[in-house]
Amino acid sequence: MGKGAIIAAGSLVLSNTIVEAGSIWGGVPAKFIKNVDPEQAKGLNLKIAHNYLMYSDWYKEN
């Protein structure tokens, strides 16, 4: 798994799959979606983390 790579939630990365640095993968089985530069990856990770916290609050309320 390369530095800065992003695997979508619920994805299944098969054994022997080479996930390059700065790439996004998703699906079952996981497939390559696109490459992102380090700044884009950082922004995506921050957005994903923020959304995760927001969704966890929603579940706590129910």
PDB file of N, CA and C in Angstrom:
ATOM      1  N   MET A   1       0.855  -1.169   0.000  1.00  0.00           N
ATOM      2  CA  MET A   1       0.000   0.000   0.000  1.00  0.00           C
ATOM      3  C   MET A   1       0.896   1.225   0.000  1.00  0.00           C
ATOM      4  N   GLY A   2       0.771   2.030  -1.047  1.00  0.00           N
ATOM      5  CA  GLY A   2       1.620   3.203  -1.189  1.00  0.00           C
ATOM      6  C   GLY A   2       1.190   4.359  -0.301  1.00  0.00           C
ATOM      7  N   LYS A   3       2.141   5.232  -0.013  1.00  0.00           N
ATOM      8  CA  LYS A   3       1.888   6.397   0.832  1.00  0.00           C
ATOM      9  C   LYS A   3       0.815   7.287   0.198  1.00  0.00           C
ATOM     10  N   GLY A   4      -0.147   7.697   1.021  1.00  0.00           N
ATOM     11  CA  GLY A   4      -1.188   8.598   0.560  1.00  0.00           C
ATOM     12  C   GLY A   4      -2.296   7.928  -0.229  1.00  0.00           C
ATOM     13  N   ALA A   5      -2.263   6.607  -0.347  1.00  0.00           N
ATOM     14  CA  ALA A   5      -3.329   5.899  -1.057  1.00  0.00           C
ATOM     15  C   ALA A   5      -4.599   5.917  -0.210  1.00  0.00           C
ATOM     16  N   ILE A   6      -5.737   5.912  -0.880  1.00  0.00           N
ATOM     17  CA  ILE A   6      -7.028   5.931  -0.194  1.00  0.00           C
ATOM     18  C   ILE A   6      -7.832   4.731  -0.671  1.00  0.00           C
ATOM     19  N   ILE A   7      -8.352   3.956   0.286  1.00  0.00           N
ATOM     20  CA  ILE A   7      -9.218   2.820  -0.006  1.00  0.00           C
ATOM     21  C   ILE A   7     -10.607   3.182   0.499  1.00  0.00           C
ATOM     22  N   ALA A   8     -11.605   3.134  -0.367  1.00  0.00           N
ATOM     23  CA  ALA A   8     -12.970   3.488   0.017  1.00  0.00           C
ATOM     24  C   ALA A   8     -13.495   2.514   1.070  1.00  0.00           C
ATOM     25  N   ALA A   9     -14.327   3.026   1.961  1.00  0.00           N
ATOM     26  CA  ALA A   9     -14.929   2.200   3.015  1.00  0.00           C
ATOM     27  C   ALA A   9     -15.688   1.037   2.393  1.00  0.00           C
ATOM     28  N   GLY A  10     -15.536  -0.137   2.984  1.00  0.00           N
ATOM     29  CA  GLY A  10     -16.243  -1.325   2.524  1.00  0.00           C
ATOM     30  C   GLY A  10     -15.593  -2.003   1.328  1.00  0.00           C
ATOM     31  N   SER A  11     -14.490  -1.466   0.848  1.00  0.00           N
ATOM     32  CA  SER A  11     -13.819  -2.049  -0.311  1.00  0.00           C
ATOM     33  C   SER A  11     -13.051  -3.300   0.091  1.00  0.00           C
ATOM     34  N   LEU A  12     -12.869  -4.182  -0.860  1.00  0.00           N
ATOM     35  CA  LEU A  12     -12.128  -5.419  -0.632  1.00  0.00           C
ATOM     36  C   LEU A  12     -10.924  -5.435  -1.564  1.00  0.00           C
ATOM     37  N   VAL A  13      -9.752  -5.209  -0.983  1.00  0.00           N
ATOM     38  CA  VAL A  13      -8.512  -5.241  -1.760  1.00  0.00           C
ATOM     39  C   VAL A  13      -8.012  -6.680  -1.758  1.00  0.00           C
ATOM     40  N   LEU A  14      -7.914  -7.267  -2.941  1.00  0.00           N
ATOM     41  CA  LEU A  14      -7.487  -8.656  -3.057  1.00  0.00           C
ATOM     42  C   LEU A  14      -5.993  -8.790  -2.781  1.00  0.00           C
ATOM     43  N   SER A  15      -5.593  -9.977  -2.320  1.00  0.00           N
ATOM     44  CA  SER A  15      -4.172 -10.214  -2.068  1.00  0.00           C
ATOM     45  C   SER A  15      -3.399 -10.040  -3.371  1.00  0.00           C
ATOM     46  N   ASN A  16      -2.167  -9.640  -3.245  1.00  0.00           N
ATOM     47  CA  ASN A  16      -1.269  -9.390  -4.377  1.00  0.00           C
ATOM     48  C   ASN A  16      -1.651  -8.176  -5.216  1.00  0.00           C
ATOM     49  N   THR A  17      -2.640  -7.389  -4.772  1.00  0.00           N
ATOM     50  CA  THR A  17      -2.976  -6.148  -5.466  1.00  0.00           C
ATOM     51  C   THR A  17      -1.949  -5.095  -5.076  1.00  0.00           C
ATOM     52  N   ILE A  18      -1.400  -4.427  -6.049  1.00  0.00           N
ATOM     53  CA  ILE A  18      -0.429  -3.366  -5.785  1.00  0.00           C
ATOM     54  C   ILE A  18      -1.163  -2.036  -5.825  1.00  0.00           C
ATOM     55  N   VAL A  19      -1.232  -1.391  -4.670  1.00  0.00           N
ATOM     56  CA  VAL A  19      -1.893  -0.093  -4.545  1.00  0.00           C
ATOM     57  C   VAL A  19      -0.788   0.961  -4.523  1.00  0.00           C
ATOM     58  N   GLU A  20      -0.692   1.705  -5.604  1.00  0.00           N
ATOM     59  CA  GLU A  20       0.369   2.704  -5.753  1.00  0.00           C
ATOM     60  C   GLU A  20       0.127   3.910  -4.854  1.00  0.00           C
ATOM     61  N   ALA A  21       1.193   4.612  -4.539  1.00  0.00           N
ATOM     62  CA  ALA A  21       1.103   5.843  -3.747  1.00  0.00           C
ATOM     63  C   ALA A  21       0.208   6.851  -4.463  1.00  0.00           C
ATOM     64  N   GLY A  22      -0.630   7.527  -3.689  1.00  0.00           N
ATOM     65  CA  GLY A  22      -1.465   8.584  -4.238  1.00  0.00           C
ATOM     66  C   GLY A  22      -2.606   8.116  -5.113  1.00  0.00           C
ATOM     67  N   SER A  23      -3.012   6.867  -4.972  1.00  0.00           N
ATOM     68  CA  SER A  23      -4.121   6.368  -5.783  1.00  0.00           C
ATOM     69  C   SER A  23      -5.356   6.146  -4.918  1.00  0.00           C
ATOM     70  N   ILE A  24      -6.510   6.164  -5.566  1.00  0.00           N
ATOM     71  CA  ILE A  24      -7.776   5.899  -4.886  1.00  0.00           C
ATOM     72  C   ILE A  24      -8.353   4.621  -5.471  1.00  0.00           C
ATOM     73  N   TRP A  25      -8.790   3.730  -4.567  1.00  0.00           N
ATOM     74  CA  TRP A  25      -9.365   2.445  -4.954  1.00  0.00           C
ATOM     75  C   TRP A  25     -10.700   2.270  -4.252  1.00  0.00           C
ATOM     76  N   GLY A  26     -11.628   1.576  -4.894  1.00  0.00           N
ATOM     77  CA  GLY A  26     -12.906   1.301  -4.264  1.00  0.00           C
ATOM     78  C   GLY A  26     -13.625   0.155  -4.946  1.00  0.00           C
ATOM     79  N   GLY A  27     -14.563  -0.444  -4.221  1.00  0.00           N
ATOM     80  CA  GLY A  27     -15.395  -1.506  -4.771  1.00  0.00           C
ATOM     81  C   GLY A  27     -15.081  -2.866  -4.196  1.00  0.00           C
ATOM     82  N   VAL A  28     -15.870  -3.846  -4.638  1.00  0.00           N
ATOM     83  CA  VAL A  28     -15.701  -5.237  -4.218  1.00  0.00           C
ATOM     84  C   VAL A  28     -15.718  -6.088  -5.484  1.00  0.00           C
ATOM     85  N   PRO A  29     -14.572  -6.533  -5.940  1.00  0.00           N
ATOM     86  CA  PRO A  29     -13.246  -6.240  -5.414  1.00  0.00           C
ATOM     87  C   PRO A  29     -12.830  -4.807  -5.754  1.00  0.00           C
ATOM     88  N   ALA A  30     -11.876  -4.297  -4.993  1.00  0.00           N
ATOM     89  CA  ALA A  30     -11.418  -2.920  -5.199  1.00  0.00           C
ATOM     90  C   ALA A  30     -10.759  -2.775  -6.563  1.00  0.00           C
ATOM     91  N   LYS A  31     -11.098  -1.667  -7.228  1.00  0.00           N
ATOM     92  CA  LYS A  31     -10.505  -1.335  -8.519  1.00  0.00           C
ATOM     93  C   LYS A  31      -9.936   0.078  -8.442  1.00  0.00           C
ATOM     94  N   PHE A  32      -8.941   0.327  -9.257  1.00  0.00           N
ATOM     95  CA  PHE A  32      -8.330   1.652  -9.320  1.00  0.00           C
ATOM     96  C   PHE A  32      -9.360   2.663  -9.818  1.00  0.00           C
ATOM     97  N   ILE A  33      -9.459   3.814  -9.142  1.00  0.00           N
ATOM     98  CA  ILE A  33     -10.376   4.876  -9.557  1.00  0.00           C
ATOM     99  C   ILE A  33      -9.606   6.018 -10.203  1.00  0.00           C
ATOM    100  N   LYS A  34      -8.635   6.576  -9.479  1.00  0.00           N
ATOM    101  CA  LYS A  34      -7.834   7.661 -10.053  1.00  0.00           C
ATOM    102  C   LYS A  34      -6.631   7.945  -9.168  1.00  0.00           C
ATOM    103  N   ASN A  35      -5.711   8.725  -9.700  1.00  0.00           N
ATOM    104  CA  ASN A  35      -4.559   9.206  -8.937  1.00  0.00           C
ATOM    105  C   ASN A  35      -4.851  10.600  -8.418  1.00  0.00           C
ATOM    106  N   VAL A  36      -4.308  10.923  -7.261  1.00  0.00           N
ATOM    107  CA  VAL A  36      -4.421  12.271  -6.701  1.00  0.00           C
ATOM    108  C   VAL A  36      -3.044  12.717  -6.235  1.00  0.00           C
ATOM    109  N   ASP A  37      -2.821  14.031  -6.269  1.00  0.00           N
ATOM    110  CA  ASP A  37      -1.546  14.535  -5.767  1.00  0.00           C
ATOM    111  C   ASP A  37      -1.619  14.608  -4.241  1.00  0.00           C
ATOM    112  N   PRO A  38      -0.488  14.760  -3.562  1.00  0.00           N
ATOM    113  CA  PRO A  38      -0.482  14.743  -2.088  1.00  0.00           C
ATOM    114  C   PRO A  38      -1.422  15.765  -1.446  1.00  0.00           C
ATOM    115  N   GLU A  39      -1.547  16.951  -2.025  1.00  0.00           N
ATOM    116  CA  GLU A  39      -2.448  17.960  -1.452  1.00  0.00           C
ATOM    117  C   GLU A  39      -3.907  17.539  -1.579  1.00  0.00           C
ATOM    118  N   GLN A  40      -4.274  16.957  -2.729  1.00  0.00           N
ATOM    119  CA  GLN A  40      -5.641  16.458  -2.902  1.00  0.00           C
ATOM    120  C   GLN A  40      -5.924  15.339  -1.912  1.00  0.00           C
ATOM    121  N   ALA A  41      -4.966  14.428  -1.734  1.00  0.00           N
ATOM    122  CA  ALA A  41      -5.144  13.312  -0.803  1.00  0.00           C
ATOM    123  C   ALA A  41      -5.344  13.832   0.613  1.00  0.00           C
ATOM    124  N   LYS A  42      -4.560  14.833   1.003  1.00  0.00           N
ATOM    125  CA  LYS A  42      -4.696  15.406   2.343  1.00  0.00           C
ATOM    126  C   LYS A  42      -6.086  16.001   2.525  1.00  0.00           C
ATOM    127  N   GLY A  43      -6.554  16.748   1.528  1.00  0.00           N
ATOM    128  CA  GLY A  43      -7.889  17.344   1.599  1.00  0.00           C
ATOM    129  C   GLY A  43      -8.981  16.292   1.675  1.00  0.00           C
ATOM    130  N   LEU A  44      -8.849  15.232   0.886  1.00  0.00           N
ATOM    131  CA  LEU A  44      -9.841  14.158   0.917  1.00  0.00           C
ATOM    132  C   LEU A  44      -9.860  13.470   2.274  1.00  0.00           C
ATOM    133  N   ASN A  45      -8.682  13.211   2.833  1.00  0.00           N
ATOM    134  CA  ASN A  45      -8.618  12.557   4.144  1.00  0.00           C
ATOM    135  C   ASN A  45      -9.259  13.411   5.227  1.00  0.00           C
ATOM    136  N   LEU A  46      -9.036  14.721   5.186  1.00  0.00           N
ATOM    137  CA  LEU A  46      -9.665  15.612   6.170  1.00  0.00           C
ATOM    138  C   LEU A  46     -11.181  15.621   6.010  1.00  0.00           C
ATOM    139  N   LYS A  47     -11.653  15.640   4.771  1.00  0.00           N
ATOM    140  CA  LYS A  47     -13.096  15.628   4.502  1.00  0.00           C
ATOM    141  C   LYS A  47     -13.724  14.321   4.992  1.00  0.00           C
ATOM    142  N   ILE A  48     -13.066  13.206   4.708  1.00  0.00           N
ATOM    143  CA  ILE A  48     -13.573  11.897   5.130  1.00  0.00           C
ATOM    144  C   ILE A  48     -13.635  11.818   6.652  1.00  0.00           C
ATOM    145  N   ALA A  49     -12.586  12.293   7.329  1.00  0.00           N
ATOM    146  CA  ALA A  49     -12.560  12.266   8.796  1.00  0.00           C
ATOM    147  C   ALA A  49     -13.678  13.129   9.371  1.00  0.00           C
ATOM    148  N   HIS A  50     -13.889  14.301   8.804  1.00  0.00           N
ATOM    149  CA  HIS A  50     -14.967  15.186   9.263  1.00  0.00           C
ATOM    150  C   HIS A  50     -16.326  14.507   9.089  1.00  0.00           C
ATOM    151  N   ASN A  51     -16.550  13.913   7.918  1.00  0.00           N
ATOM    152  CA  ASN A  51     -17.827  13.243   7.662  1.00  0.00           C
ATOM    153  C   ASN A  51     -18.041  12.068   8.607  1.00  0.00           C
ATOM    154  N   TYR A  52     -16.979  11.320   8.903  1.00  0.00           N
ATOM    155  CA  TYR A  52     -17.080  10.186   9.819  1.00  0.00           C
ATOM    156  C   TYR A  52     -17.576  10.650  11.181  1.00  0.00           C
ATOM    157  N   LEU A  53     -17.004  11.746  11.678  1.00  0.00           N
ATOM    158  CA  LEU A  53     -17.435  12.277  12.974  1.00  0.00           C
ATOM    159  C   LEU A  53     -18.879  12.757  12.921  1.00  0.00           C
ATOM    160  N   MET A  54     -19.253  13.399  11.831  1.00  0.00           N
ATOM    161  CA  MET A  54     -20.619  13.885  11.678  1.00  0.00           C
ATOM    162  C   MET A  54     -21.612  12.710  11.682  1.00  0.00           C
ATOM    163  N   TYR A  55     -21.300  11.667  10.918  1.00  0.00           N
ATOM    164  CA  TYR A  55     -22.195  10.510  10.863  1.00  0.00           C
ATOM    165  C   TYR A  55     -22.279   9.803  12.207  1.00  0.00           C
ATOM    166  N   SER A  56     -21.170   9.726  12.940  1.00  0.00           N
ATOM    167  CA  SER A  56     -21.213   9.068  14.246  1.00  0.00           C
ATOM    168  C   SER A  56     -22.124   9.835  15.198  1.00  0.00           C
ATOM    169  N   ASP A  57     -22.122  11.160  15.104  1.00  0.00           N
ATOM    170  CA  ASP A  57     -23.042  11.961  15.925  1.00  0.00           C
ATOM    171  C   ASP A  57     -24.488  11.673  15.562  1.00  0.00           C
ATOM    172  N   TRP A  58     -24.773  11.509  14.271  1.00  0.00           N
ATOM    173  CA  TRP A  58     -26.136  11.201  13.841  1.00  0.00           C
ATOM    174  C   TRP A  58     -26.606   9.883  14.456  1.00  0.00           C
ATOM    175  N   TYR A  59     -25.732   8.865  14.452  1.00  0.00           N
ATOM    176  CA  TYR A  59     -26.116   7.569  14.994  1.00  0.00           C
ATOM    177  C   TYR A  59     -26.316   7.623  16.501  1.00  0.00           C
ATOM    178  N   LYS A  60     -25.531   8.448  17.183  1.00  0.00           N
ATOM    179  CA  LYS A  60     -25.693   8.592  18.631  1.00  0.00           C
ATOM    180  C   LYS A  60     -27.052   9.180  18.976  1.00  0.00           C
ATOM    181  N   GLU A  61     -27.546  10.074  18.119  1.00  0.00           N
ATOM    182  CA  GLU A  61     -28.826  10.734  18.367  1.00  0.00           C
ATOM    183  C   GLU A  61     -30.006   9.788  18.192  1.00  0.00           C
ATOM    184  N   ASN A  62     -29.844   8.739  17.389  1.00  0.00           N
ATOM    185  CA  ASN A  62     -30.968   7.821  17.113  1.00  0.00           C
ATOM    186  C   ASN A  62     -31.016   6.690  18.069  1.00  0.00           C
TER     187      ASN A  62
END
